[in-house]
Amino acid sequence: MVSTAVLIGLIAAAFGAGWVNAVVGGGGLIMLPSLLVSLPREVPVASVVGTNKTAQVVGNITAGASYLRRQRPTWRIFLWAAFTALLGALAGVRVLRLMSRDVYTPILLVVLVVIGVFTWRRPTMGVKVNEADQGGHPLLMAIIGFFLGFYDAAIGPGVGTFWVLAFVAVGGYSFLRASGMAKMCNSVTNLVTIVTLALHGAVLWHVVWPLVIANVTGGLVGARTAQKHGDSFVRKAFLVVIAVLGVKLLVEMIWGG
């Protein structure tokens, strides 16, 4: 059991994670560390991951549906990416306990730096969109979907941000439309991981329900904020999340070393 004060702190973190996740992805950067710090040390990592994903999946679906009501996806691209992501998640969840952060953190940090510079150097990417360019490279999106699904199940934090970038840079979509498709694809891989971990008792159900409500509320507020302020706002938020994730990984590398 957790104390009332700890639960209130987790509820606040879940709301913030929902807001960030709805705007640009990466809510796990808030929720997962909060759970790791707040829950007793004897709680297994798999249970922390399962609780984190369960707390966020409903918010993901809610925010994604809110976007897609106004920003229609290209169904062929979206469904293929979601399907291959599901396959990737099925593979990734099998090696969740075998993943070494010492190996993946430096690689991920390099990827983030490249992503951040790439987006920063292209101020019109995802903001000024040519309708004819949208929906390009379906095979590449499917391949990327598999690897993002695998990463989400095996490691997780930041995958929503990667989804947004993939739909913007490869699919040619605006940030708003990309955010909607990213949320739904992320939900697919989350559900695969949640079901697998729940079957092994790795979800703290007595903690997760208040977090679900807070996360959904934060997601709805975040989606409305993004839609109100447009693609330029989402692009700026995207760069901020990339920077925060990069700093977090760098600190982990230095601290861990």
Protein backbone atom coordinates (compact mmCIF):
# COMPACT_ATOMS: atom_id res chain seq x y z
CA MET A 1 0.00 0.00 0.00
CA VAL A 2 1.06 3.61 -0.53
CA SER A 3 0.38 6.56 1.73
CA THR A 4 -2.20 9.21 0.90
CA ALA A 5 0.52 11.81 0.30
CA VAL A 6 2.34 9.51 -2.14
CA LEU A 7 -0.89 8.71 -3.96
CA ILE A 8 -1.71 12.42 -4.33
CA GLY A 9 1.76 13.00 -5.78
CA LEU A 10 1.28 10.14 -8.25
CA ILE A 11 -2.12 11.51 -9.27
CA ALA A 12 -0.51 14.90 -10.02
CA ALA A 13 2.22 13.14 -12.02
CA ALA A 14 -0.41 11.17 -13.95
CA PHE A 15 -2.24 14.40 -14.88
CA GLY A 16 1.02 16.00 -16.06
CA ALA A 17 1.96 12.87 -18.00
CA GLY A 18 -1.43 12.87 -19.71
CA TRP A 19 -1.02 16.53 -20.73
CA VAL A 20 2.49 16.03 -22.12
CA ASN A 21 1.52 12.81 -23.84
CA ALA A 22 -1.47 14.40 -25.54
CA VAL A 23 0.51 17.39 -26.79
CA VAL A 24 3.60 15.68 -28.12
CA GLY A 25 4.13 12.26 -26.57
CA GLY A 26 6.64 11.17 -23.94
CA GLY A 27 4.35 11.14 -20.91
CA GLY A 28 6.21 8.08 -19.68
CA LEU A 29 9.13 10.39 -18.90
CA ILE A 30 7.01 11.81 -16.09
CA MET A 31 4.96 8.80 -15.00
CA LEU A 32 7.57 6.05 -14.97
CA PRO A 33 10.22 7.88 -12.89
CA SER A 34 7.46 9.02 -10.49
CA LEU A 35 6.41 5.43 -9.92
CA LEU A 36 10.00 4.25 -9.51
CA VAL A 37 10.65 6.89 -6.85
CA SER A 38 7.31 6.59 -5.04
CA LEU A 39 6.64 2.85 -4.88
CA PRO A 40 8.40 0.61 -2.36
CA ARG A 41 11.78 -0.72 -3.52
CA GLU A 42 10.58 -4.31 -3.29
CA VAL A 43 8.08 -3.73 -6.11
CA PRO A 44 9.49 -5.50 -9.22
CA VAL A 45 10.41 -3.43 -12.26
CA ALA A 46 7.88 -5.36 -14.37
CA SER A 47 5.11 -4.27 -11.97
CA VAL A 48 6.22 -0.64 -12.22
CA VAL A 49 6.19 -0.86 -16.03
CA GLY A 50 2.81 -2.60 -16.09
CA THR A 51 1.26 -0.03 -13.75
CA ASN A 52 2.76 2.83 -15.76
CA LYS A 53 1.37 1.61 -19.06
CA THR A 54 -2.05 0.79 -17.60
CA ALA A 55 -2.27 4.28 -16.09
CA GLN A 56 -1.57 5.88 -19.47
CA VAL A 57 -3.27 3.70 -22.07
CA VAL A 58 -6.81 5.04 -21.56
CA GLY A 59 -5.49 8.61 -21.73
CA ASN A 60 -3.66 7.74 -24.95
CA ILE A 61 -6.80 6.36 -26.55
CA THR A 62 -8.92 9.30 -25.38
CA ALA A 63 -6.45 11.93 -26.62
CA GLY A 64 -5.90 10.06 -29.90
CA ALA A 65 -9.64 9.85 -30.59
CA SER A 66 -9.96 13.57 -29.83
CA TYR A 67 -7.29 14.38 -32.41
CA LEU A 68 -8.59 12.01 -35.07
CA ARG A 69 -12.10 13.42 -34.93
CA ARG A 70 -10.62 16.63 -36.32
CA GLN A 71 -7.50 15.35 -38.09
CA ARG A 72 -8.43 12.36 -40.24
CA PRO A 73 -5.62 9.82 -40.70
CA THR A 74 -4.54 8.12 -43.90
CA TRP A 75 -5.97 4.75 -42.97
CA ARG A 76 -3.61 2.63 -45.08
CA ILE A 77 -0.51 4.14 -43.44
CA PHE A 78 -2.05 4.19 -39.98
CA LEU A 79 -3.32 0.59 -39.95
CA TRP A 80 -0.11 -0.88 -41.38
CA ALA A 81 2.00 1.00 -38.84
CA ALA A 82 -0.29 -0.09 -36.00
CA PHE A 83 -0.25 -3.73 -37.14
CA THR A 84 3.53 -3.96 -37.44
CA ALA A 85 3.86 -2.16 -34.11
CA LEU A 86 1.68 -4.86 -32.54
CA LEU A 87 4.03 -7.52 -33.92
CA GLY A 88 7.01 -5.60 -32.59
CA ALA A 89 5.41 -5.31 -29.15
CA LEU A 90 4.77 -9.07 -29.04
CA ALA A 91 8.48 -9.58 -29.63
CA GLY A 92 9.60 -6.79 -27.30
CA VAL A 93 7.56 -7.86 -24.27
CA ARG A 94 9.29 -11.25 -24.36
CA VAL A 95 12.67 -9.66 -23.74
CA LEU A 96 11.54 -6.99 -21.27
CA ARG A 97 13.45 -8.60 -18.41
CA LEU A 98 16.57 -9.11 -20.53
CA MET A 99 17.04 -5.54 -21.78
CA SER A 100 20.22 -3.79 -20.67
CA ARG A 101 19.86 -0.03 -20.23
CA ASP A 102 23.66 0.24 -20.29
CA VAL A 103 23.57 -0.80 -23.94
CA TYR A 104 20.47 1.02 -25.14
CA THR A 105 20.78 4.35 -23.30
CA PRO A 106 23.83 5.63 -25.24
CA ILE A 107 22.26 4.55 -28.55
CA LEU A 108 18.98 6.23 -27.66
CA LEU A 109 20.78 9.41 -26.61
CA VAL A 110 22.49 9.64 -30.01
CA VAL A 111 19.15 9.08 -31.74
CA LEU A 112 17.56 11.86 -29.68
CA VAL A 113 20.31 14.33 -30.54
CA VAL A 114 19.87 13.55 -34.23
CA ILE A 115 16.09 13.90 -33.95
CA GLY A 116 16.30 17.19 -32.08
CA VAL A 117 18.78 18.76 -34.51
CA PHE A 118 16.84 17.43 -37.49
CA THR A 119 13.58 19.00 -36.27
CA TRP A 120 15.20 22.26 -35.10
CA ARG A 121 16.94 22.79 -38.45
CA ARG A 122 13.62 22.36 -40.30
CA PRO A 123 11.28 25.00 -38.84
CA THR A 124 8.52 24.29 -41.37
CA MET A 125 8.50 20.50 -40.89
CA GLY A 126 5.11 19.44 -39.59
CA VAL A 127 3.90 23.05 -39.60
CA LYS A 128 3.68 23.91 -43.30
CA VAL A 129 2.48 20.72 -44.93
CA ASN A 130 1.94 19.91 -48.59
CA GLU A 131 -1.19 17.76 -48.84
CA ALA A 132 0.36 15.84 -51.75
CA ASP A 133 3.26 14.71 -49.55
CA GLN A 134 1.10 13.16 -46.84
CA GLY A 135 0.91 9.40 -46.58
CA GLY A 136 4.23 8.72 -48.27
CA HIS A 137 6.58 5.76 -47.67
CA PRO A 138 4.03 3.22 -46.34
CA LEU A 139 6.58 0.37 -46.32
CA LEU A 140 9.11 2.43 -44.36
CA MET A 141 6.42 3.46 -41.88
CA ALA A 142 5.51 -0.20 -41.40
CA ILE A 143 9.16 -1.08 -40.71
CA ILE A 144 9.51 1.82 -38.28
CA GLY A 145 6.26 0.74 -36.63
CA PHE A 146 7.70 -2.71 -35.88
CA PHE A 147 10.80 -1.30 -34.21
CA LEU A 148 8.83 1.30 -32.25
CA GLY A 149 6.46 -1.42 -31.04
CA PHE A 150 9.43 -3.51 -29.97
CA TYR A 151 11.05 -0.55 -28.19
CA ASP A 152 7.80 0.39 -26.44
CA ALA A 153 7.30 -3.09 -25.01
CA ALA A 154 10.94 -3.61 -24.06
CA ILE A 155 11.88 -0.14 -22.72
CA GLY A 156 9.06 2.37 -23.29
CA PRO A 157 9.74 5.99 -22.25
CA GLY A 158 9.79 8.48 -25.13
CA VAL A 159 8.20 6.17 -27.69
CA GLY A 160 5.25 8.54 -28.21
CA THR A 161 7.70 11.25 -29.24
CA PHE A 162 9.34 8.87 -31.73
CA TRP A 163 5.93 8.03 -33.19
CA VAL A 164 5.18 11.71 -33.75
CA LEU A 165 8.52 12.26 -35.46
CA ALA A 166 8.05 9.22 -37.69
CA PHE A 167 4.64 10.36 -38.91
CA VAL A 168 5.93 13.91 -39.47
CA ALA A 169 9.35 13.23 -41.02
CA VAL A 170 8.52 10.03 -42.94
CA GLY A 171 4.76 10.23 -43.42
CA GLY A 172 4.75 13.94 -44.24
CA TYR A 173 1.94 14.81 -41.81
CA SER A 174 1.39 17.92 -39.71
CA PHE A 175 2.22 17.68 -36.00
CA LEU A 176 -1.47 17.68 -35.07
CA ARG A 177 -2.41 14.85 -37.41
CA ALA A 178 0.75 12.94 -36.50
CA SER A 179 -0.05 13.27 -32.80
CA GLY A 180 -3.44 11.62 -33.23
CA MET A 181 -2.06 8.64 -35.16
CA ALA A 182 0.88 8.38 -32.76
CA LYS A 183 -1.43 8.11 -29.74
CA MET A 184 -3.47 5.29 -31.28
CA CYS A 185 -0.43 3.30 -32.46
CA ASN A 186 1.12 3.74 -29.03
CA SER A 187 -2.10 2.47 -27.47
CA VAL A 188 -1.90 -0.74 -29.51
CA THR A 189 1.58 -1.57 -28.22
CA ASN A 190 0.63 -0.54 -24.68
CA LEU A 191 -2.33 -2.91 -24.67
CA VAL A 192 -0.17 -5.83 -25.80
CA THR A 193 2.32 -5.14 -23.00
CA ILE A 194 -0.38 -4.55 -20.38
CA VAL A 195 -2.24 -7.80 -21.14
CA THR A 196 0.97 -9.82 -21.06
CA LEU A 197 2.17 -8.29 -17.78
CA ALA A 198 -1.30 -8.42 -16.19
CA LEU A 199 -1.50 -12.15 -16.89
CA HIS A 200 1.67 -12.49 -14.80
CA GLY A 201 0.27 -10.29 -12.01
CA ALA A 202 2.53 -7.34 -12.85
CA VAL A 203 -0.05 -4.53 -12.53
CA LEU A 204 -0.76 -2.83 -9.19
CA TRP A 205 -4.52 -2.46 -9.65
CA HIS A 206 -5.10 -0.82 -6.25
CA VAL A 207 -2.81 2.06 -7.32
CA VAL A 208 -3.61 2.35 -10.99
CA TRP A 209 -7.30 3.39 -11.08
CA PRO A 210 -6.90 6.93 -9.64
CA LEU A 211 -3.95 7.41 -12.00
CA VAL A 212 -6.07 6.38 -15.00
CA ILE A 213 -8.67 9.06 -14.20
CA ALA A 214 -6.00 11.74 -13.71
CA ASN A 215 -4.18 10.73 -16.88
CA VAL A 216 -7.35 10.83 -19.00
CA THR A 217 -8.18 14.29 -17.63
CA GLY A 218 -4.68 15.55 -18.40
CA GLY A 219 -4.87 14.04 -21.88
CA LEU A 220 -8.14 15.78 -22.70
CA VAL A 221 -6.78 19.13 -21.51
CA GLY A 222 -3.54 18.60 -23.45
CA ALA A 223 -5.31 17.66 -26.68
CA ARG A 224 -7.50 20.76 -26.51
CA THR A 225 -4.45 22.92 -25.77
CA ALA A 226 -2.60 21.56 -28.81
CA GLN A 227 -5.59 21.97 -31.11
CA LYS A 228 -6.16 25.52 -29.87
CA HIS A 229 -2.56 26.66 -30.39
CA GLY A 230 -1.81 24.67 -33.55
CA ASP A 231 1.17 22.93 -35.13
CA SER A 232 3.73 25.59 -34.20
CA PHE A 233 2.98 25.11 -30.50
CA VAL A 234 3.20 21.33 -30.81
CA ARG A 235 6.53 21.63 -32.64
CA LYS A 236 7.98 23.75 -29.81
CA ALA A 237 6.67 21.33 -27.20
CA PHE A 238 8.17 18.48 -29.21
CA LEU A 239 11.62 20.08 -29.10
CA VAL A 240 11.32 20.70 -25.35
CA VAL A 241 10.41 17.05 -24.69
CA ILE A 242 13.31 15.89 -26.89
CA ALA A 243 15.69 18.10 -24.90
CA VAL A 244 14.37 16.89 -21.54
CA LEU A 245 14.58 13.24 -22.58
CA GLY A 246 18.14 13.75 -23.85
CA VAL A 247 19.24 15.41 -20.59
CA LYS A 248 17.54 12.68 -18.55
CA LEU A 249 19.36 9.94 -20.47
CA LEU A 250 22.69 11.76 -20.20
CA VAL A 251 22.27 12.14 -16.43
CA GLU A 252 21.39 8.44 -16.15
CA MET A 253 24.55 7.52 -18.09
CA ILE A 254 26.77 9.72 -15.89
CA TRP A 255 25.06 8.70 -12.64
CA GLY A 256 25.07 5.05 -13.60
CA GLY A 257 28.70 5.21 -14.51
